[in-house]
Every structure is written in C-alpha cells, then in structure tokens.
Amino acid sequence: MVKEFDGKLYDFSELGIADSVVRSVTQSSASLALVSEPVWFCLKTQPKREHLAATALRRQFGVECFSPRLRFRKMTQRGPVWFVEAMFPGYLFAKFVYAAQHRAVENSHGIRGIVHFGDLLATLPEHIVASLQSKVGAEEIITLDCSIKVGQSVQITDGPFQGLEVVVTHLLPAKDRIRVLFDFLGRSMEMEISMAKVLAA
C-alpha cells in the first residue's frame, strides 16, 4: 500500500504498518466535514516553533493543543546546560472541529498544515492523546532522569580531567559528590568529584 506523506510516497506495507492501522488514524476531509465534534489532528509546524504555534492556536482560536516537551541536561562549551525541546520535533496535536476551524488552524502562526497521507488527514483517537497527557502533566514537560547511578559511565565536564569518561563507584550524597574509577597511565585510579562536574556519557 503506497501512500503520500508530506509530499513523499511511502510503502507502508514495507514499513510493517498494516493498512487497517493507517485507516484507523486517517480520515478524508469530506467525512471530517460532516463531524460536528472536535477531533484530534496531527499538525506539521515550522522547525523549532512547536510550542509557539500551540500557544498561538490557544490564544487566537481557543483550540485545545498538546505539544509535549523534554527537559534534559547536555554538555556544551560553557559546561552542562539544561535544554527544553519538543518531544515530537516539527509536530503538535490540536483538537478542533474540522469544518469550522481547519482554514484558521492551517493558516495560524507557525503551522505548515495538517499532516496527511495522500487525501487522508492524520487524526488521533482521544484515548491516545489522554494517555500521553497523563504522563506529562499540566506543564507538558518531562524532565529526563539525570540522576547518577553506581556503575554508570559519566564524563567529567570541568577541571584538569575535562572530557575524560569515568565509571561511578560510590555515591556520596551528603557531600553532593561521587567517587569515580578511571584508567590513568595504565593504572586504575579512584577519585572524588562533585556531581555538578559530570554528565551521563
């Protein structure tokens, strides 16, 4: 079964996606025009504009949106920094009455259009969105577990051993420090270091 998705042709049978699955999450615009209840749609957004596009839809048109984000710590040249990025880069979910609001939604700030497979529009069942919403909470942000565990490989981010990958051997929570094991000049050595100076490798 070959279908168009975002301007490209895909053979969903090769991808292991059954025709019944594609049909259950896609509907024609003609059938959606007859539905008077709001439906969850998958919307394509401009790059890095998912959250802004969702905010614009909520404020301008009162459209219920779901744009979950991930919060995580990443190593930069300045040291470890917290980042917040979209869980589904380039996409968000919006619930609206197709016949009454699709033109306004598709022309809203940051929106490229409704995701479609040829002539069929991508919709989501209510229970799937509700399940995702229950996992991320009201702020729609999931903080990835950055806690350090014994046996975990970490990278030193500061000091003379910056960039060195080491293994955690002990947690010293009272001092907010850890003991790590590393190879230095062919010998295994152990040292204490502040938890703030390491990141998961």
Protein backbone atom coordinates (compact mmCIF):
# COMPACT_ATOMS: atom_id res chain seq x y z
CA MET A 1 0.00 0.00 0.00
CA VAL A 2 1.76 3.16 -1.25
CA LYS A 3 0.56 6.46 0.25
CA GLU A 4 1.78 10.05 0.13
CA PHE A 5 3.02 11.61 3.38
CA ASP A 6 4.37 15.19 3.49
CA GLY A 7 4.87 15.20 -0.27
CA LYS A 8 6.75 11.86 -0.41
CA LEU A 9 5.49 8.39 -1.34
CA TYR A 10 5.85 5.62 1.25
CA ASP A 11 5.08 1.92 1.05
CA PHE A 12 3.50 1.32 4.46
CA SER A 13 3.49 -2.46 3.98
CA GLU A 14 7.32 -2.36 3.70
CA LEU A 15 7.43 -0.36 6.94
CA GLY A 16 5.37 -3.06 8.66
CA ILE A 17 2.34 -0.80 9.13
CA ALA A 18 -0.93 -2.57 8.39
CA ASP A 19 -3.49 -0.94 6.11
CA SER A 20 -6.08 -1.19 8.92
CA VAL A 21 -3.82 0.89 11.21
CA VAL A 22 -3.41 3.63 8.59
CA ARG A 23 -7.17 3.67 8.01
CA SER A 24 -7.95 3.90 11.73
CA VAL A 25 -5.87 7.07 12.18
CA THR A 26 -6.69 8.78 8.88
CA GLN A 27 -9.91 10.20 7.52
CA SER A 28 -10.95 12.03 4.37
CA SER A 29 -11.65 15.75 4.55
CA ALA A 30 -15.14 15.05 3.17
CA SER A 31 -16.00 12.72 6.07
CA LEU A 32 -14.44 15.10 8.61
CA ALA A 33 -16.56 17.97 7.24
CA LEU A 34 -19.64 16.08 8.44
CA VAL A 35 -18.34 15.64 12.02
CA SER A 36 -19.64 18.34 14.37
CA GLU A 37 -17.48 17.25 17.35
CA PRO A 38 -13.84 18.31 17.78
CA VAL A 39 -11.24 15.77 16.64
CA TRP A 40 -7.51 15.50 17.48
CA PHE A 41 -5.29 16.23 14.47
CA CYS A 42 -1.55 15.98 13.97
CA LEU A 43 -0.21 19.32 12.69
CA LYS A 44 3.12 19.97 10.94
CA THR A 45 4.87 23.06 12.34
CA GLN A 46 7.76 25.25 11.32
CA PRO A 47 11.08 23.98 12.76
CA LYS A 48 11.59 24.77 16.46
CA ARG A 49 8.19 26.51 16.61
CA GLU A 50 6.02 23.76 18.09
CA HIS A 51 5.39 25.44 21.44
CA LEU A 52 4.88 28.91 19.91
CA ALA A 53 2.45 27.53 17.32
CA ALA A 54 0.45 25.77 20.07
CA THR A 55 0.34 28.99 22.12
CA ALA A 56 -0.90 30.96 19.08
CA LEU A 57 -3.68 28.41 18.40
CA ARG A 58 -4.83 28.50 22.03
CA ARG A 59 -4.87 32.30 22.25
CA GLN A 60 -6.27 33.17 18.82
CA PHE A 61 -8.82 30.44 18.27
CA GLY A 62 -9.33 28.71 21.63
CA VAL A 63 -8.07 25.44 20.14
CA GLU A 64 -7.02 22.76 22.62
CA CYS A 65 -3.39 21.83 21.85
CA PHE A 66 -0.91 19.27 23.07
CA SER A 67 2.77 19.97 22.47
CA PRO A 68 4.83 17.90 24.94
CA ARG A 69 8.46 18.84 25.58
CA LEU A 70 11.54 17.15 27.04
CA ARG A 71 13.83 18.84 29.58
CA PHE A 72 17.36 17.45 29.73
CA ARG A 73 20.92 18.39 30.62
CA LYS A 74 23.53 18.44 27.85
CA MET A 75 27.23 19.22 27.70
CA THR A 76 28.19 22.47 25.93
CA GLN A 77 31.39 24.53 25.66
CA ARG A 78 30.13 26.50 28.69
CA GLY A 79 29.62 23.30 30.65
CA PRO A 80 26.40 21.40 31.39
CA VAL A 81 23.26 23.31 30.38
CA TRP A 82 19.55 22.45 30.69
CA PHE A 83 17.65 22.33 27.38
CA VAL A 84 13.94 22.08 26.60
CA GLU A 85 12.98 20.64 23.21
CA ALA A 86 9.86 19.28 21.56
CA MET A 87 9.13 15.59 22.20
CA PHE A 88 7.87 15.37 18.60
CA PRO A 89 10.07 17.84 16.66
CA GLY A 90 8.11 19.58 13.92
CA TYR A 91 4.68 18.37 15.10
CA LEU A 92 1.94 19.15 17.60
CA PHE A 93 -1.56 17.86 18.27
CA ALA A 94 -4.65 20.07 18.14
CA LYS A 95 -8.33 19.34 18.79
CA PHE A 96 -10.85 21.27 16.74
CA VAL A 97 -13.99 20.97 14.59
CA TYR A 98 -12.62 20.44 11.09
CA ALA A 99 -15.43 22.08 9.11
CA ALA A 100 -15.48 25.24 11.24
CA GLN A 101 -11.78 25.78 12.01
CA HIS A 102 -9.42 23.97 9.64
CA ARG A 103 -8.65 27.03 7.48
CA ALA A 104 -7.89 29.22 10.50
CA VAL A 105 -5.75 26.49 12.09
CA GLU A 106 -3.78 25.76 8.91
CA ASN A 107 -3.06 29.49 8.42
CA SER A 108 -2.13 30.14 12.05
CA HIS A 109 1.33 31.38 13.04
CA GLY A 110 3.94 28.59 12.92
CA ILE A 111 1.66 25.96 11.31
CA ARG A 112 2.53 24.38 7.96
CA GLY A 113 -0.64 22.31 7.73
CA ILE A 114 -2.46 19.19 8.84
CA VAL A 115 -0.42 16.01 8.39
CA HIS A 116 -1.91 13.95 5.58
CA PHE A 117 -1.38 10.66 3.78
CA GLY A 118 -2.41 11.46 0.22
CA ASP A 119 -6.01 12.65 0.53
CA LEU A 120 -6.41 11.31 4.08
CA LEU A 121 -5.80 13.54 7.12
CA ALA A 122 -3.99 12.25 10.21
CA THR A 123 -6.27 12.09 13.26
CA LEU A 124 -5.70 10.63 16.70
CA PRO A 125 -8.11 8.77 18.97
CA GLU A 126 -8.97 10.65 22.17
CA HIS A 127 -7.62 7.87 24.44
CA ILE A 128 -4.13 8.04 22.90
CA VAL A 129 -3.81 11.79 23.49
CA ALA A 130 -5.28 11.43 27.01
CA SER A 131 -2.71 8.74 27.78
CA LEU A 132 0.16 10.96 26.61
CA GLN A 133 -1.24 13.94 28.54
CA SER A 134 -1.45 11.91 31.75
CA LYS A 135 2.27 11.14 31.52
CA VAL A 136 3.50 14.72 31.02
CA GLY A 137 1.25 16.72 33.36
CA ALA A 138 -0.20 20.23 33.01
CA GLU A 139 3.10 21.87 32.05
CA GLU A 140 3.56 19.37 29.19
CA ILE A 141 7.22 18.88 30.16
CA ILE A 142 9.00 15.65 31.05
CA THR A 143 12.36 16.01 32.79
CA LEU A 144 14.62 13.18 31.75
CA ASP A 145 16.20 11.34 34.65
CA CYS A 146 19.67 12.77 35.02
CA SER A 147 20.39 11.09 38.34
CA ILE A 148 23.71 9.33 38.51
CA LYS A 149 23.89 5.67 39.50
CA VAL A 150 26.70 3.35 40.60
CA GLY A 151 28.24 1.60 37.60
CA GLN A 152 27.18 4.34 35.20
CA SER A 153 29.66 5.92 32.78
CA VAL A 154 29.92 9.70 33.13
CA GLN A 155 32.02 12.38 31.52
CA ILE A 156 33.95 14.94 33.57
CA THR A 157 32.92 18.43 32.44
CA ASP A 158 35.35 20.67 34.34
CA GLY A 159 38.89 20.77 35.64
CA PRO A 160 42.11 19.07 34.52
CA PHE A 161 40.28 15.82 33.60
CA GLN A 162 37.61 17.57 31.47
CA GLY A 163 36.34 15.26 28.72
CA LEU A 164 37.54 12.08 30.47
CA GLU A 165 34.98 9.26 30.66
CA VAL A 166 34.90 7.55 34.06
CA VAL A 167 32.76 4.99 35.91
CA VAL A 168 30.87 5.86 39.13
CA THR A 169 31.85 3.55 42.01
CA HIS A 170 30.19 5.26 45.03
CA LEU A 171 27.56 7.92 45.64
CA LEU A 172 28.36 10.35 48.44
CA PRO A 173 25.03 12.25 48.67
CA ALA A 174 25.82 14.05 51.93
CA LYS A 175 28.67 15.87 50.19
CA ASP A 176 26.91 16.01 46.78
CA ARG A 177 29.92 14.19 45.41
CA ILE A 178 30.70 10.86 43.77
CA ARG A 179 33.69 8.56 43.68
CA VAL A 180 34.78 7.54 40.18
CA LEU A 181 37.16 4.99 38.70
CA PHE A 182 39.31 5.72 35.66
CA ASP A 183 42.42 4.50 33.88
CA PHE A 184 45.40 6.84 34.09
CA LEU A 185 48.77 5.91 32.61
CA GLY A 186 47.78 2.25 32.55
CA ARG A 187 46.62 2.12 36.17
CA SER A 188 43.10 2.10 37.61
CA MET A 189 42.64 5.04 39.95
CA GLU A 190 39.76 6.31 42.07
CA MET A 191 38.96 9.92 42.99
CA GLU A 192 36.12 12.03 44.40
CA ILE A 193 34.46 14.69 42.27
CA SER A 194 31.44 16.98 42.56
CA MET A 195 28.25 15.70 40.92
CA ALA A 196 27.91 19.13 39.27
CA LYS A 197 31.09 18.44 37.30
CA VAL A 198 29.89 15.29 35.49
CA LEU A 199 27.31 14.37 32.90
CA ALA A 200 26.00 10.97 31.84
CA ALA A 201 28.17 9.71 28.98
